[in-house]
Amino acid sequence: MNDLSLIILQETVNDAQAIERLHERTFGPGRFVLSSYRLREQVDHLLDLSFTARIGTLMVGSVRQLPILVGETRALLLGPLTVEPPFRDRGIGRALLDRALNEAKGKGHRLVFLVGDEPYYSRIGFKRVPKGVVTMPGPVNADRLLVAELAAGAFEGVSGAVRPDWSLGR
C-alpha cells in the first residue's frame, strides 16, 4: 500500500455511526458479551486518544482508548482495534496502534492494557500480565490480558481490579 494513501485522523463525534457499523461487520453481535465491552458500556472512550484510518473518504479502520483504573492506578484500555477485512495485512492496524500509543504517551499516560493476541501485540511492546495480578470484570482468558508501559517501570507494583475511570470519561 502506498503510505500516502492512508490517513490516520483523530476520531470525531461524527464518526460514531460509521465505527459502530465497522465493529458490527468485523466483530459481530458476540462482541457485547466480552468483558472489554462491559467496561465500554460504563465509560466513554477518549476522542483525543481514538483514531480512524481512511483511504480517501473510506473509513477502513478504527482504534479507541478509554480511561480505566487498575486498583488505584490510572491507565488506558485500548480497543477495539479493527480493520476492514479487505484491508488487513497492509499495516493499517499497526499505523493505528502507533498513533494511539504515541498520542497517549505524549499526553502523559503511562500504562495501556488490552485483551488480545500476544503474538500480534508483542511486536509493539505489549506483554502478558502475570496471572492474578490484574482482574477484568467478567470472564477473560488471562493469557490475552496484555500491558504496555509507556514509561519505564510504570507497571511495577500495579495490581487489582480493572474498573472505569470516570474522572476522564462519561
N, C-alpha and C. Protein backbone atom coordinates (compact mmCIF):
# COMPACT_ATOMS: atom_id res chain seq x y z
N MET A 1 0.84 -1.18 0.00
CA MET A 1 0.00 0.00 0.00
C MET A 1 0.88 1.23 0.00
N ASN A 2 0.54 2.20 -0.78
CA ASN A 2 1.24 3.47 -0.82
C ASN A 2 0.99 4.22 0.48
N ASP A 3 2.04 4.56 1.23
CA ASP A 3 1.89 5.23 2.51
C ASP A 3 1.09 6.52 2.40
N LEU A 4 1.16 7.20 1.26
CA LEU A 4 0.46 8.47 1.11
C LEU A 4 -1.05 8.29 1.01
N SER A 5 -1.51 7.09 0.70
CA SER A 5 -2.94 6.88 0.54
C SER A 5 -3.65 6.65 1.88
N LEU A 6 -2.94 6.33 2.93
CA LEU A 6 -3.54 6.08 4.24
C LEU A 6 -3.45 7.34 5.09
N ILE A 7 -4.59 7.71 5.67
CA ILE A 7 -4.63 8.88 6.55
C ILE A 7 -5.16 8.43 7.90
N ILE A 8 -4.44 8.75 8.97
CA ILE A 8 -4.88 8.46 10.33
C ILE A 8 -5.35 9.78 10.92
N LEU A 9 -6.62 9.81 11.35
CA LEU A 9 -7.22 11.02 11.90
C LEU A 9 -7.76 10.76 13.29
N GLN A 10 -7.76 11.81 14.10
CA GLN A 10 -8.40 11.71 15.41
C GLN A 10 -9.89 11.49 15.20
N GLU A 11 -10.46 10.59 15.98
CA GLU A 11 -11.90 10.32 15.88
C GLU A 11 -12.69 11.57 16.27
N THR A 12 -13.83 11.76 15.61
CA THR A 12 -14.74 12.84 15.96
C THR A 12 -16.10 12.23 16.31
N VAL A 13 -16.97 13.02 16.92
CA VAL A 13 -18.31 12.52 17.26
C VAL A 13 -19.06 12.11 16.00
N ASN A 14 -18.76 12.71 14.88
CA ASN A 14 -19.43 12.38 13.63
C ASN A 14 -19.03 11.00 13.08
N ASP A 15 -17.99 10.40 13.63
CA ASP A 15 -17.53 9.08 13.18
C ASP A 15 -18.27 7.92 13.86
N ALA A 16 -19.03 8.20 14.90
CA ALA A 16 -19.59 7.16 15.76
C ALA A 16 -20.40 6.11 14.99
N GLN A 17 -21.30 6.52 14.12
CA GLN A 17 -22.14 5.54 13.41
C GLN A 17 -21.31 4.67 12.46
N ALA A 18 -20.39 5.27 11.75
CA ALA A 18 -19.54 4.51 10.82
C ALA A 18 -18.67 3.51 11.60
N ILE A 19 -18.17 3.91 12.75
CA ILE A 19 -17.35 2.99 13.56
C ILE A 19 -18.21 1.86 14.11
N GLU A 20 -19.42 2.16 14.55
CA GLU A 20 -20.29 1.11 15.05
C GLU A 20 -20.60 0.10 13.94
N ARG A 21 -20.84 0.55 12.73
CA ARG A 21 -21.09 -0.37 11.61
C ARG A 21 -19.83 -1.20 11.31
N LEU A 22 -18.66 -0.59 11.42
CA LEU A 22 -17.40 -1.30 11.23
C LEU A 22 -17.26 -2.40 12.29
N HIS A 23 -17.53 -2.09 13.54
CA HIS A 23 -17.46 -3.08 14.62
C HIS A 23 -18.46 -4.20 14.37
N GLU A 24 -19.65 -3.85 13.92
CA GLU A 24 -20.67 -4.86 13.64
C GLU A 24 -20.20 -5.83 12.56
N ARG A 25 -19.61 -5.28 11.50
CA ARG A 25 -19.12 -6.14 10.40
C ARG A 25 -17.94 -7.01 10.83
N THR A 26 -17.04 -6.46 11.62
CA THR A 26 -15.82 -7.19 11.92
C THR A 26 -15.91 -8.08 13.17
N PHE A 27 -16.74 -7.70 14.15
CA PHE A 27 -16.81 -8.47 15.40
C PHE A 27 -18.13 -9.21 15.59
N GLY A 28 -19.20 -8.76 14.95
CA GLY A 28 -20.50 -9.39 15.08
C GLY A 28 -21.16 -9.14 16.42
N PRO A 29 -22.32 -9.74 16.64
CA PRO A 29 -23.08 -9.48 17.86
C PRO A 29 -22.44 -10.05 19.12
N GLY A 30 -21.55 -11.02 18.98
CA GLY A 30 -20.90 -11.62 20.15
C GLY A 30 -20.00 -10.66 20.91
N ARG A 31 -19.68 -9.52 20.31
CA ARG A 31 -18.78 -8.56 20.96
C ARG A 31 -19.36 -8.01 22.25
N PHE A 32 -20.66 -7.98 22.40
CA PHE A 32 -21.28 -7.35 23.55
C PHE A 32 -21.11 -8.14 24.84
N VAL A 33 -20.76 -9.42 24.77
CA VAL A 33 -20.59 -10.21 25.98
C VAL A 33 -19.16 -10.18 26.51
N LEU A 34 -18.25 -9.61 25.76
CA LEU A 34 -16.85 -9.57 26.18
C LEU A 34 -16.66 -8.59 27.33
N SER A 35 -15.74 -8.90 28.22
CA SER A 35 -15.53 -8.05 29.40
C SER A 35 -15.09 -6.64 29.02
N SER A 36 -14.34 -6.51 27.93
CA SER A 36 -13.92 -5.18 27.49
C SER A 36 -15.13 -4.32 27.13
N TYR A 37 -16.13 -4.94 26.52
CA TYR A 37 -17.34 -4.19 26.18
C TYR A 37 -18.11 -3.80 27.42
N ARG A 38 -18.05 -4.60 28.46
CA ARG A 38 -18.72 -4.21 29.71
C ARG A 38 -18.14 -2.92 30.25
N LEU A 39 -16.84 -2.76 30.14
CA LEU A 39 -16.21 -1.51 30.57
C LEU A 39 -16.62 -0.36 29.64
N ARG A 40 -16.66 -0.63 28.34
CA ARG A 40 -17.01 0.40 27.36
C ARG A 40 -18.44 0.90 27.55
N GLU A 41 -19.30 0.07 28.10
CA GLU A 41 -20.67 0.49 28.37
C GLU A 41 -20.74 1.46 29.54
N GLN A 42 -19.70 1.48 30.36
CA GLN A 42 -19.74 2.29 31.58
C GLN A 42 -19.01 3.62 31.47
N VAL A 43 -18.07 3.71 30.56
CA VAL A 43 -17.29 4.96 30.43
C VAL A 43 -16.97 5.18 28.96
N ASP A 44 -17.07 6.43 28.54
CA ASP A 44 -16.82 6.74 27.13
C ASP A 44 -15.33 6.68 26.81
N HIS A 45 -15.04 6.32 25.58
CA HIS A 45 -13.66 6.37 25.11
C HIS A 45 -13.25 7.84 24.97
N LEU A 46 -11.96 8.06 24.91
CA LEU A 46 -11.40 9.41 24.83
C LEU A 46 -11.18 9.76 23.36
N LEU A 47 -11.93 10.73 22.86
CA LEU A 47 -11.82 11.09 21.44
C LEU A 47 -10.40 11.53 21.08
N ASP A 48 -9.71 12.21 21.99
CA ASP A 48 -8.37 12.70 21.66
C ASP A 48 -7.33 11.58 21.61
N LEU A 49 -7.72 10.38 22.04
CA LEU A 49 -6.81 9.22 22.00
C LEU A 49 -7.38 8.07 21.17
N SER A 50 -8.37 8.38 20.35
CA SER A 50 -9.02 7.39 19.48
C SER A 50 -8.90 7.87 18.04
N PHE A 51 -8.70 6.92 17.11
CA PHE A 51 -8.33 7.31 15.75
C PHE A 51 -9.03 6.45 14.71
N THR A 52 -9.17 7.03 13.53
CA THR A 52 -9.70 6.31 12.38
C THR A 52 -8.64 6.26 11.30
N ALA A 53 -8.73 5.23 10.48
CA ALA A 53 -7.85 5.10 9.31
C ALA A 53 -8.74 5.23 8.08
N ARG A 54 -8.29 6.07 7.15
CA ARG A 54 -9.06 6.31 5.93
C ARG A 54 -8.17 6.20 4.72
N ILE A 55 -8.77 5.70 3.66
CA ILE A 55 -8.16 5.75 2.34
C ILE A 55 -9.13 6.59 1.53
N GLY A 56 -8.72 7.80 1.22
CA GLY A 56 -9.64 8.77 0.65
C GLY A 56 -10.71 9.08 1.67
N THR A 57 -11.97 8.94 1.29
CA THR A 57 -13.07 9.18 2.23
C THR A 57 -13.57 7.90 2.88
N LEU A 58 -13.00 6.75 2.51
CA LEU A 58 -13.44 5.46 3.02
C LEU A 58 -12.77 5.15 4.36
N MET A 59 -13.58 4.95 5.41
CA MET A 59 -13.04 4.54 6.70
C MET A 59 -12.73 3.05 6.62
N VAL A 60 -11.47 2.70 6.87
CA VAL A 60 -11.06 1.29 6.78
C VAL A 60 -10.59 0.72 8.11
N GLY A 61 -10.52 1.57 9.14
CA GLY A 61 -10.08 1.07 10.44
C GLY A 61 -10.35 2.05 11.55
N SER A 62 -10.25 1.55 12.78
CA SER A 62 -10.51 2.37 13.95
C SER A 62 -9.82 1.76 15.16
N VAL A 63 -9.41 2.63 16.07
CA VAL A 63 -8.92 2.19 17.37
C VAL A 63 -9.40 3.20 18.41
N ARG A 64 -9.78 2.69 19.56
CA ARG A 64 -10.26 3.54 20.65
C ARG A 64 -9.50 3.22 21.93
N GLN A 65 -9.47 4.22 22.82
CA GLN A 65 -8.89 4.03 24.14
C GLN A 65 -9.82 4.68 25.16
N LEU A 66 -9.98 3.99 26.29
CA LEU A 66 -10.83 4.55 27.34
C LEU A 66 -10.09 4.53 28.66
N PRO A 67 -10.50 5.44 29.55
CA PRO A 67 -9.80 5.55 30.84
C PRO A 67 -10.27 4.48 31.82
N ILE A 68 -9.31 3.84 32.45
CA ILE A 68 -9.60 2.82 33.47
C ILE A 68 -8.73 3.06 34.69
N LEU A 69 -9.10 2.39 35.75
CA LEU A 69 -8.28 2.28 36.94
C LEU A 69 -7.96 0.80 37.13
N VAL A 70 -6.72 0.52 37.48
CA VAL A 70 -6.31 -0.83 37.86
C VAL A 70 -5.89 -0.69 39.31
N GLY A 71 -6.75 -1.20 40.20
CA GLY A 71 -6.56 -0.86 41.61
C GLY A 71 -6.78 0.64 41.72
N GLU A 72 -5.75 1.36 42.13
CA GLU A 72 -5.84 2.82 42.21
C GLU A 72 -4.99 3.52 41.15
N THR A 73 -4.46 2.75 40.21
CA THR A 73 -3.57 3.29 39.19
C THR A 73 -4.34 3.62 37.92
N ARG A 74 -4.18 4.84 37.45
CA ARG A 74 -4.81 5.25 36.20
C ARG A 74 -4.10 4.59 35.02
N ALA A 75 -4.91 4.19 34.04
CA ALA A 75 -4.37 3.56 32.83
C ALA A 75 -5.38 3.74 31.71
N LEU A 76 -5.06 3.20 30.56
CA LEU A 76 -5.96 3.19 29.42
C LEU A 76 -6.24 1.76 29.03
N LEU A 77 -7.43 1.53 28.49
CA LEU A 77 -7.77 0.26 27.88
C LEU A 77 -7.88 0.52 26.39
N LEU A 78 -7.04 -0.13 25.61
CA LEU A 78 -7.04 0.04 24.17
C LEU A 78 -8.00 -0.96 23.55
N GLY A 79 -8.82 -0.48 22.66
CA GLY A 79 -9.69 -1.36 21.91
C GLY A 79 -11.10 -0.82 21.83
N PRO A 80 -11.82 -1.32 20.90
CA PRO A 80 -11.37 -2.28 19.92
C PRO A 80 -10.50 -1.65 18.83
N LEU A 81 -9.59 -2.47 18.33
CA LEU A 81 -8.81 -2.15 17.14
C LEU A 81 -9.42 -2.99 16.03
N THR A 82 -9.82 -2.35 14.97
CA THR A 82 -10.40 -3.11 13.87
C THR A 82 -10.04 -2.51 12.53
N VAL A 83 -9.89 -3.39 11.56
CA VAL A 83 -9.60 -3.00 10.18
C VAL A 83 -10.54 -3.81 9.28
N GLU A 84 -11.13 -3.13 8.30
CA GLU A 84 -12.00 -3.82 7.35
C GLU A 84 -11.25 -5.02 6.76
N PRO A 85 -11.88 -6.19 6.70
CA PRO A 85 -11.20 -7.40 6.22
C PRO A 85 -10.44 -7.24 4.89
N PRO A 86 -10.99 -6.57 3.86
CA PRO A 86 -10.21 -6.48 2.61
C PRO A 86 -8.93 -5.65 2.73
N PHE A 87 -8.80 -4.90 3.83
CA PHE A 87 -7.64 -4.02 4.00
C PHE A 87 -6.66 -4.52 5.06
N ARG A 88 -6.87 -5.72 5.56
CA ARG A 88 -5.97 -6.27 6.58
C ARG A 88 -4.65 -6.67 5.96
N ASP A 89 -3.64 -6.83 6.80
CA ASP A 89 -2.30 -7.24 6.39
C ASP A 89 -1.63 -6.20 5.48
N ARG A 90 -1.98 -4.94 5.69
CA ARG A 90 -1.37 -3.85 4.93
C ARG A 90 -0.77 -2.79 5.84
N GLY A 91 -0.66 -3.10 7.13
CA GLY A 91 -0.04 -2.16 8.06
C GLY A 91 -0.98 -1.13 8.65
N ILE A 92 -2.27 -1.23 8.37
CA ILE A 92 -3.22 -0.24 8.87
C ILE A 92 -3.40 -0.37 10.38
N GLY A 93 -3.53 -1.59 10.87
CA GLY A 93 -3.66 -1.79 12.32
C GLY A 93 -2.44 -1.27 13.05
N ARG A 94 -1.28 -1.54 12.52
CA ARG A 94 -0.04 -1.06 13.14
C ARG A 94 0.02 0.46 13.13
N ALA A 95 -0.39 1.09 12.04
CA ALA A 95 -0.39 2.55 11.97
C ALA A 95 -1.35 3.14 13.00
N LEU A 96 -2.51 2.53 13.17
CA LEU A 96 -3.46 3.00 14.19
C LEU A 96 -2.89 2.84 15.59
N LEU A 97 -2.28 1.67 15.86
CA LEU A 97 -1.68 1.43 17.18
C LEU A 97 -0.55 2.41 17.47
N ASP A 98 0.32 2.61 16.50
CA ASP A 98 1.44 3.54 16.70
C ASP A 98 0.93 4.93 17.05
N ARG A 99 -0.07 5.40 16.31
CA ARG A 99 -0.61 6.73 16.58
C ARG A 99 -1.25 6.80 17.95
N ALA A 100 -2.06 5.79 18.29
CA ALA A 100 -2.75 5.78 19.58
C ALA A 100 -1.77 5.76 20.74
N LEU A 101 -0.76 4.92 20.66
CA LEU A 101 0.20 4.82 21.76
C LEU A 101 1.09 6.06 21.85
N ASN A 102 1.50 6.59 20.72
CA ASN A 102 2.32 7.81 20.74
C ASN A 102 1.55 8.99 21.31
N GLU A 103 0.30 9.12 20.94
CA GLU A 103 -0.53 10.21 21.48
C GLU A 103 -0.73 10.04 22.98
N ALA A 104 -1.00 8.80 23.41
CA ALA A 104 -1.18 8.54 24.84
C ALA A 104 0.07 8.90 25.63
N LYS A 105 1.21 8.48 25.13
CA LYS A 105 2.47 8.79 25.80
C LYS A 105 2.70 10.30 25.83
N GLY A 106 2.43 10.96 24.72
CA GLY A 106 2.61 12.40 24.64
C GLY A 106 1.71 13.18 25.60
N LYS A 107 0.59 12.58 25.99
CA LYS A 107 -0.33 13.24 26.92
C LYS A 107 -0.11 12.79 28.35
N GLY A 108 0.99 12.07 28.58
CA GLY A 108 1.38 11.71 29.94
C GLY A 108 0.83 10.41 30.47
N HIS A 109 0.15 9.63 29.65
CA HIS A 109 -0.33 8.32 30.11
C HIS A 109 0.86 7.37 30.20
N ARG A 110 0.80 6.48 31.20
CA ARG A 110 1.94 5.62 31.48
C ARG A 110 1.70 4.14 31.19
N LEU A 111 0.43 3.71 31.20
CA LEU A 111 0.11 2.30 31.02
C LEU A 111 -1.08 2.14 30.08
N VAL A 112 -0.99 1.13 29.21
CA VAL A 112 -2.10 0.79 28.32
C VAL A 112 -2.31 -0.72 28.41
N PHE A 113 -3.54 -1.11 28.69
CA PHE A 113 -3.93 -2.52 28.74
C PHE A 113 -4.79 -2.85 27.53
N LEU A 114 -4.85 -4.11 27.19
CA LEU A 114 -5.78 -4.58 26.17
C LEU A 114 -5.97 -6.07 26.34
N VAL A 115 -7.02 -6.58 25.73
CA VAL A 115 -7.27 -8.01 25.67
C VAL A 115 -7.08 -8.37 24.20
N GLY A 116 -6.05 -9.19 23.92
CA GLY A 116 -5.76 -9.51 22.53
C GLY A 116 -4.72 -10.60 22.39
N ASP A 117 -4.30 -10.80 21.16
CA ASP A 117 -3.34 -11.85 20.82
C ASP A 117 -1.92 -11.38 21.08
N GLU A 118 -1.24 -12.05 22.00
CA GLU A 118 0.12 -11.66 22.35
C GLU A 118 1.08 -11.67 21.16
N PRO A 119 1.03 -12.67 20.26
CA PRO A 119 1.98 -12.64 19.14
C PRO A 119 1.86 -11.36 18.29
N TYR A 120 0.66 -10.85 18.11
CA TYR A 120 0.46 -9.63 17.32
C TYR A 120 0.92 -8.40 18.10
N TYR A 121 0.43 -8.25 19.33
CA TYR A 121 0.67 -7.03 20.09
C TYR A 121 2.06 -6.97 20.72
N SER A 122 2.73 -8.10 20.89
CA SER A 122 4.08 -8.07 21.48
C SER A 122 5.07 -7.37 20.55
N ARG A 123 4.77 -7.33 19.27
CA ARG A 123 5.65 -6.64 18.31
C ARG A 123 5.74 -5.15 18.57
N ILE A 124 4.78 -4.61 19.31
CA ILE A 124 4.83 -3.17 19.62
C ILE A 124 4.94 -2.93 21.11
N GLY A 125 5.41 -3.93 21.83
CA GLY A 125 5.76 -3.71 23.23
C GLY A 125 4.78 -4.19 24.28
N PHE A 126 3.69 -4.82 23.89
CA PHE A 126 2.76 -5.35 24.89
C PHE A 126 3.29 -6.68 25.42
N LYS A 127 3.07 -6.88 26.73
CA LYS A 127 3.50 -8.11 27.40
C LYS A 127 2.32 -8.67 28.17
N ARG A 128 2.35 -9.98 28.34
CA ARG A 128 1.29 -10.63 29.11
C ARG A 128 1.34 -10.19 30.57
N VAL A 129 0.18 -9.88 31.12
CA VAL A 129 0.07 -9.56 32.53
C VAL A 129 0.13 -10.88 33.31
N PRO A 130 0.99 -10.96 34.32
CA PRO A 130 1.05 -12.20 35.10
C PRO A 130 -0.33 -12.56 35.68
N LYS A 131 -0.67 -13.83 35.62
CA LYS A 131 -1.98 -14.30 36.10
C LYS A 131 -2.23 -13.86 37.54
N GLY A 132 -3.46 -13.36 37.75
CA GLY A 132 -3.88 -12.99 39.09
C GLY A 132 -3.49 -11.60 39.54
N VAL A 133 -2.66 -10.91 38.78
CA VAL A 133 -2.20 -9.57 39.19
C VAL A 133 -3.27 -8.52 38.89
N VAL A 134 -3.90 -8.65 37.73
CA VAL A 134 -4.95 -7.72 37.30
C VAL A 134 -6.17 -8.54 36.93
N THR A 135 -7.35 -8.12 37.38
CA THR A 135 -8.57 -8.83 37.05
C THR A 135 -9.52 -7.92 36.28
N MET A 136 -10.12 -8.49 35.26
CA MET A 136 -11.10 -7.78 34.44
C MET A 136 -12.50 -8.16 34.91
N PRO A 137 -13.48 -7.28 34.69
CA PRO A 137 -14.86 -7.66 35.02
C PRO A 137 -15.34 -8.72 34.03
N GLY A 138 -15.95 -9.74 34.53
CA GLY A 138 -16.44 -10.78 33.64
C GLY A 138 -15.34 -11.73 33.23
N PRO A 139 -15.69 -12.73 32.44
CA PRO A 139 -14.70 -13.72 32.04
C PRO A 139 -13.71 -13.19 31.02
N VAL A 140 -12.43 -13.48 31.26
CA VAL A 140 -11.36 -13.11 30.33
C VAL A 140 -10.31 -14.19 30.38
N ASN A 141 -9.81 -14.57 29.23
CA ASN A 141 -8.71 -15.51 29.16
C ASN A 141 -7.47 -14.76 29.64
N ALA A 142 -6.92 -15.16 30.77
CA ALA A 142 -5.79 -14.44 31.38
C ALA A 142 -4.58 -14.36 30.45
N ASP A 143 -4.43 -15.30 29.52
CA ASP A 143 -3.31 -15.26 28.59
C ASP A 143 -3.44 -14.13 27.57
N ARG A 144 -4.63 -13.55 27.46
CA ARG A 144 -4.87 -12.49 26.48
C ARG A 144 -4.85 -11.09 27.10
N LEU A 145 -4.68 -10.99 28.41
CA LEU A 145 -4.62 -9.69 29.07
C LEU A 145 -3.17 -9.18 28.99
N LEU A 146 -3.00 -8.09 28.26
CA LEU A 146 -1.67 -7.56 27.95
C LEU A 146 -1.53 -6.14 28.45
N VAL A 147 -0.28 -5.71 28.67
CA VAL A 147 0.01 -4.35 29.11
C VAL A 147 1.23 -3.82 28.38
N ALA A 148 1.20 -2.53 28.10
CA ALA A 148 2.37 -1.83 27.55
C ALA A 148 2.70 -0.68 28.48
N GLU A 149 3.97 -0.59 28.85
CA GLU A 149 4.44 0.53 29.66
C GLU A 149 4.86 1.66 28.71
N LEU A 150 4.25 2.81 28.88
CA LEU A 150 4.64 3.98 28.08
C LEU A 150 5.71 4.77 28.80
N ALA A 151 5.95 4.43 30.06
CA ALA A 151 7.04 5.00 30.86
C ALA A 151 7.72 3.83 31.56
N ALA A 152 9.03 3.83 31.57
CA ALA A 152 9.79 2.73 32.18
C ALA A 152 9.34 2.50 33.61
N GLY A 153 9.08 1.24 33.95
CA GLY A 153 8.72 0.86 35.31
C GLY A 153 7.29 1.19 35.71
N ALA A 154 6.46 1.65 34.80
CA ALA A 154 5.11 2.09 35.15
C ALA A 154 4.23 0.97 35.68
N PHE A 155 4.51 -0.28 35.32
CA PHE A 155 3.67 -1.40 35.76
C PHE A 155 4.12 -1.97 37.10
N GLU A 156 5.27 -1.56 37.59
CA GLU A 156 5.78 -2.08 38.86
C GLU A 156 4.81 -1.77 39.99
N GLY A 157 4.40 -2.82 40.72
CA GLY A 157 3.53 -2.66 41.87
C GLY A 157 2.06 -2.45 41.54
N VAL A 158 1.70 -2.46 40.27
CA VAL A 158 0.30 -2.27 39.88
C VAL A 158 -0.43 -3.59 39.98
N SER A 159 -1.58 -3.57 40.64
CA SER A 159 -2.41 -4.77 40.73
C SER A 159 -3.83 -4.35 41.10
N GLY A 160 -4.75 -5.27 40.90
CA GLY A 160 -6.11 -5.02 41.31
C GLY A 160 -7.11 -5.20 40.20
N ALA A 161 -8.33 -4.84 40.51
CA ALA A 161 -9.44 -4.97 39.57
C ALA A 161 -9.46 -3.79 38.60
N VAL A 162 -9.82 -4.08 37.37
CA VAL A 162 -9.99 -3.05 36.35
C VAL A 162 -11.41 -2.51 36.47
N ARG A 163 -11.52 -1.20 36.50
CA ARG A 163 -12.83 -0.55 36.54
C ARG A 163 -12.75 0.77 35.79
N PRO A 164 -13.87 1.33 35.41
CA PRO A 164 -13.86 2.60 34.68
C PRO A 164 -13.27 3.72 35.52
N ASP A 165 -12.61 4.64 34.84
CA ASP A 165 -12.10 5.86 35.48
C ASP A 165 -13.01 7.00 35.02
N TRP A 166 -14.01 7.30 35.83
CA TRP A 166 -14.97 8.32 35.44
C TRP A 166 -14.42 9.72 35.53
N SER A 167 -13.25 9.89 36.10
CA SER A 167 -12.69 11.26 36.19
C SER A 167 -12.31 11.80 34.82
N LEU A 168 -12.07 10.90 33.83
CA LEU A 168 -11.71 11.34 32.48
C LEU A 168 -12.81 11.08 31.47
N GLY A 169 -13.70 10.14 31.76
CA GLY A 169 -14.75 9.77 30.81
C GLY A 169 -16.10 10.26 31.27
N ARG A 170 -17.13 9.66 30.75
CA ARG A 170 -18.54 9.96 30.97
C ARG A 170 -18.86 10.69 32.23
